[in-house]
Amino acid sequence: MANKKNAAAFEHSLNALESLVQQMESGDLSLEDSLKAFEKGVKLARECQEALSSAEQKVHTLMEKNGKIDSQPFAQLDEEKQ
Protein backbone atom coordinates (compact mmCIF):
# COMPACT_ATOMS: atom_id res chain seq x y z
CA MET A 1 0.00 0.00 0.00
CA ALA A 2 2.82 2.40 0.85
CA ASN A 3 4.47 1.71 -2.52
CA LYS A 4 1.30 2.76 -4.36
CA LYS A 5 1.11 5.94 -2.28
CA ASN A 6 4.79 6.66 -2.94
CA ALA A 7 4.34 6.07 -6.65
CA ALA A 8 1.28 8.30 -6.73
CA ALA A 9 3.10 11.03 -4.81
CA PHE A 10 6.05 10.78 -7.21
CA GLU A 11 3.76 10.98 -10.25
CA HIS A 12 1.92 13.95 -8.75
CA SER A 13 5.17 15.78 -8.00
CA LEU A 14 6.55 15.05 -11.45
CA ASN A 15 3.36 16.25 -13.16
CA ALA A 16 3.32 19.41 -11.05
CA LEU A 17 6.97 20.04 -11.91
CA GLU A 18 6.28 19.60 -15.64
CA SER A 19 3.36 22.01 -15.40
CA LEU A 20 5.53 24.60 -13.64
CA VAL A 21 8.22 24.29 -16.30
CA GLN A 22 5.63 24.85 -19.04
CA GLN A 23 4.29 27.93 -17.25
CA MET A 24 7.75 29.36 -16.81
CA GLU A 25 8.74 28.61 -20.41
CA SER A 26 5.63 30.38 -21.69
CA GLY A 27 7.05 33.69 -20.46
CA ASP A 28 3.65 34.83 -19.21
CA LEU A 29 4.58 34.91 -15.52
CA SER A 30 5.68 38.04 -13.73
CA LEU A 31 9.11 38.08 -12.15
CA GLU A 32 7.59 37.51 -8.71
CA ASP A 33 5.44 34.61 -9.95
CA SER A 34 8.45 33.16 -11.80
CA LEU A 35 10.49 33.20 -8.59
CA LYS A 36 7.67 31.51 -6.66
CA ALA A 37 7.31 28.91 -9.40
CA PHE A 38 11.06 28.33 -9.42
CA GLU A 39 11.10 27.87 -5.64
CA LYS A 40 8.22 25.41 -5.82
CA GLY A 41 9.94 23.63 -8.73
CA VAL A 42 13.14 23.17 -6.73
CA LYS A 43 11.11 21.67 -3.89
CA LEU A 44 9.29 19.31 -6.27
CA ALA A 45 12.54 18.31 -7.99
CA ARG A 46 14.06 17.45 -4.60
CA GLU A 47 11.01 15.37 -3.68
CA CYS A 48 11.29 13.47 -6.97
CA GLN A 49 15.02 12.93 -6.48
CA GLU A 50 14.47 11.62 -2.95
CA ALA A 51 11.79 9.21 -4.21
CA LEU A 52 14.10 7.97 -6.97
CA SER A 53 16.99 7.56 -4.53
CA SER A 54 14.74 5.60 -2.19
CA ALA A 55 13.61 3.33 -5.01
CA GLU A 56 17.21 2.83 -6.14
CA GLN A 57 18.23 1.88 -2.61
CA LYS A 58 15.37 -0.60 -2.39
CA VAL A 59 16.38 -2.21 -5.70
CA HIS A 60 19.99 -2.31 -4.51
CA THR A 61 18.91 -4.05 -1.29
CA LEU A 62 16.77 -6.55 -3.19
CA MET A 63 19.62 -7.36 -5.59
CA GLU A 64 22.16 -7.94 -2.81
CA LYS A 65 23.14 -11.55 -2.19
CA ASN A 66 25.52 -12.59 0.57
CA GLY A 67 26.83 -9.06 0.98
CA LYS A 68 27.56 -8.71 -2.75
CA ILE A 69 25.52 -7.15 -5.48
CA ASP A 70 24.34 -9.64 -8.06
CA SER A 71 23.99 -7.33 -11.04
CA GLN A 72 23.33 -8.45 -14.58
CA PRO A 73 22.58 -6.48 -17.73
CA PHE A 74 18.89 -6.35 -18.62
CA ALA A 75 19.54 -8.23 -21.87
CA GLN A 76 21.01 -11.14 -19.90
CA LEU A 77 18.01 -11.18 -17.56
CA ASP A 78 15.63 -11.29 -20.52
CA GLU A 79 17.54 -14.20 -22.07
CA GLU A 80 17.36 -16.18 -18.82
CA LYS A 81 13.57 -15.89 -18.75
CA GLN A 82 13.29 -17.59 -22.13
C-alpha atoms as a PDB file:
ATOM      1  CA  MET A   1       0.000   0.000   0.000  1.00  0.00           C
ATOM      2  CA  ALA A   2       2.821   2.397   0.853  1.00  0.00           C
ATOM      3  CA  ASN A   3       4.472   1.714  -2.516  1.00  0.00           C
ATOM      4  CA  LYS A   4       1.298   2.763  -4.358  1.00  0.00           C
ATOM      5  CA  LYS A   5       1.109   5.941  -2.283  1.00  0.00           C
ATOM      6  CA  ASN A   6       4.788   6.660  -2.935  1.00  0.00           C
ATOM      7  CA  ALA A   7       4.341   6.066  -6.652  1.00  0.00           C
ATOM      8  CA  ALA A   8       1.276   8.300  -6.733  1.00  0.00           C
ATOM      9  CA  ALA A   9       3.098  11.027  -4.809  1.00  0.00           C
ATOM     10  CA  PHE A  10       6.049  10.784  -7.206  1.00  0.00           C
ATOM     11  CA  GLU A  11       3.762  10.978 -10.248  1.00  0.00           C
ATOM     12  CA  HIS A  12       1.921  13.947  -8.750  1.00  0.00           C
ATOM     13  CA  SER A  13       5.168  15.781  -7.998  1.00  0.00           C
ATOM     14  CA  LEU A  14       6.553  15.054 -11.446  1.00  0.00           C
ATOM     15  CA  ASN A  15       3.361  16.248 -13.163  1.00  0.00           C
ATOM     16  CA  ALA A  16       3.318  19.407 -11.046  1.00  0.00           C
ATOM     17  CA  LEU A  17       6.968  20.041 -11.913  1.00  0.00           C
ATOM     18  CA  GLU A  18       6.284  19.601 -15.639  1.00  0.00           C
ATOM     19  CA  SER A  19       3.363  22.011 -15.395  1.00  0.00           C
ATOM     20  CA  LEU A  20       5.533  24.601 -13.644  1.00  0.00           C
ATOM     21  CA  VAL A  21       8.216  24.292 -16.301  1.00  0.00           C
ATOM     22  CA  GLN A  22       5.626  24.852 -19.041  1.00  0.00           C
ATOM     23  CA  GLN A  23       4.289  27.931 -17.249  1.00  0.00           C
ATOM     24  CA  MET A  24       7.753  29.361 -16.807  1.00  0.00           C
ATOM     25  CA  GLU A  25       8.743  28.615 -20.410  1.00  0.00           C
ATOM     26  CA  SER A  26       5.635  30.385 -21.692  1.00  0.00           C
ATOM     27  CA  GLY A  27       7.052  33.686 -20.456  1.00  0.00           C
ATOM     28  CA  ASP A  28       3.648  34.833 -19.210  1.00  0.00           C
ATOM     29  CA  LEU A  29       4.582  34.906 -15.519  1.00  0.00           C
ATOM     30  CA  SER A  30       5.675  38.042 -13.729  1.00  0.00           C
ATOM     31  CA  LEU A  31       9.110  38.078 -12.151  1.00  0.00           C
ATOM     32  CA  GLU A  32       7.589  37.512  -8.709  1.00  0.00           C
ATOM     33  CA  ASP A  33       5.443  34.614  -9.946  1.00  0.00           C
ATOM     34  CA  SER A  34       8.448  33.156 -11.797  1.00  0.00           C
ATOM     35  CA  LEU A  35      10.495  33.202  -8.593  1.00  0.00           C
ATOM     36  CA  LYS A  36       7.674  31.514  -6.662  1.00  0.00           C
ATOM     37  CA  ALA A  37       7.308  28.910  -9.398  1.00  0.00           C
ATOM     38  CA  PHE A  38      11.064  28.325  -9.415  1.00  0.00           C
ATOM     39  CA  GLU A  39      11.103  27.874  -5.636  1.00  0.00           C
ATOM     40  CA  LYS A  40       8.224  25.408  -5.824  1.00  0.00           C
ATOM     41  CA  GLY A  41       9.940  23.635  -8.726  1.00  0.00           C
ATOM     42  CA  VAL A  42      13.135  23.175  -6.733  1.00  0.00           C
ATOM     43  CA  LYS A  43      11.114  21.666  -3.886  1.00  0.00           C
ATOM     44  CA  LEU A  44       9.293  19.311  -6.269  1.00  0.00           C
ATOM     45  CA  ALA A  45      12.537  18.308  -7.987  1.00  0.00           C
ATOM     46  CA  ARG A  46      14.059  17.449  -4.604  1.00  0.00           C
ATOM     47  CA  GLU A  47      11.008  15.369  -3.679  1.00  0.00           C
ATOM     48  CA  CYS A  48      11.288  13.471  -6.966  1.00  0.00           C
ATOM     49  CA  GLN A  49      15.019  12.929  -6.479  1.00  0.00           C
ATOM     50  CA  GLU A  50      14.466  11.617  -2.951  1.00  0.00           C
ATOM     51  CA  ALA A  51      11.786   9.210  -4.215  1.00  0.00           C
ATOM     52  CA  LEU A  52      14.099   7.966  -6.968  1.00  0.00           C
ATOM     53  CA  SER A  53      16.990   7.558  -4.527  1.00  0.00           C
ATOM     54  CA  SER A  54      14.744   5.604  -2.191  1.00  0.00           C
ATOM     55  CA  ALA A  55      13.611   3.327  -5.014  1.00  0.00           C
ATOM     56  CA  GLU A  56      17.206   2.835  -6.142  1.00  0.00           C
ATOM     57  CA  GLN A  57      18.233   1.878  -2.606  1.00  0.00           C
ATOM     58  CA  LYS A  58      15.370  -0.601  -2.388  1.00  0.00           C
ATOM     59  CA  VAL A  59      16.381  -2.211  -5.701  1.00  0.00           C
ATOM     60  CA  HIS A  60      19.986  -2.306  -4.506  1.00  0.00           C
ATOM     61  CA  THR A  61      18.911  -4.051  -1.292  1.00  0.00           C
ATOM     62  CA  LEU A  62      16.773  -6.551  -3.190  1.00  0.00           C
ATOM     63  CA  MET A  63      19.622  -7.365  -5.592  1.00  0.00           C
ATOM     64  CA  GLU A  64      22.162  -7.937  -2.813  1.00  0.00           C
ATOM     65  CA  LYS A  65      23.136 -11.549  -2.188  1.00  0.00           C
ATOM     66  CA  ASN A  66      25.518 -12.590   0.571  1.00  0.00           C
ATOM     67  CA  GLY A  67      26.828  -9.064   0.977  1.00  0.00           C
ATOM     68  CA  LYS A  68      27.557  -8.706  -2.747  1.00  0.00           C
ATOM     69  CA  ILE A  69      25.517  -7.147  -5.477  1.00  0.00           C
ATOM     70  CA  ASP A  70      24.336  -9.637  -8.060  1.00  0.00           C
ATOM     71  CA  SER A  71      23.991  -7.333 -11.039  1.00  0.00           C
ATOM     72  CA  GLN A  72      23.333  -8.446 -14.577  1.00  0.00           C
ATOM     73  CA  PRO A  73      22.584  -6.484 -17.734  1.00  0.00           C
ATOM     74  CA  PHE A  74      18.895  -6.347 -18.624  1.00  0.00           C
ATOM     75  CA  ALA A  75      19.541  -8.232 -21.870  1.00  0.00           C
ATOM     76  CA  GLN A  76      21.008 -11.135 -19.899  1.00  0.00           C
ATOM     77  CA  LEU A  77      18.011 -11.181 -17.560  1.00  0.00           C
ATOM     78  CA  ASP A  78      15.632 -11.288 -20.521  1.00  0.00           C
ATOM     79  CA  GLU A  79      17.536 -14.200 -22.066  1.00  0.00           C
ATOM     80  CA  GLU A  80      17.358 -16.180 -18.817  1.00  0.00           C
ATOM     81  CA  LYS A  81      13.573 -15.887 -18.747  1.00  0.00           C
ATOM     82  CA  GLN A  82      13.287 -17.588 -22.133  1.00  0.00           C
END
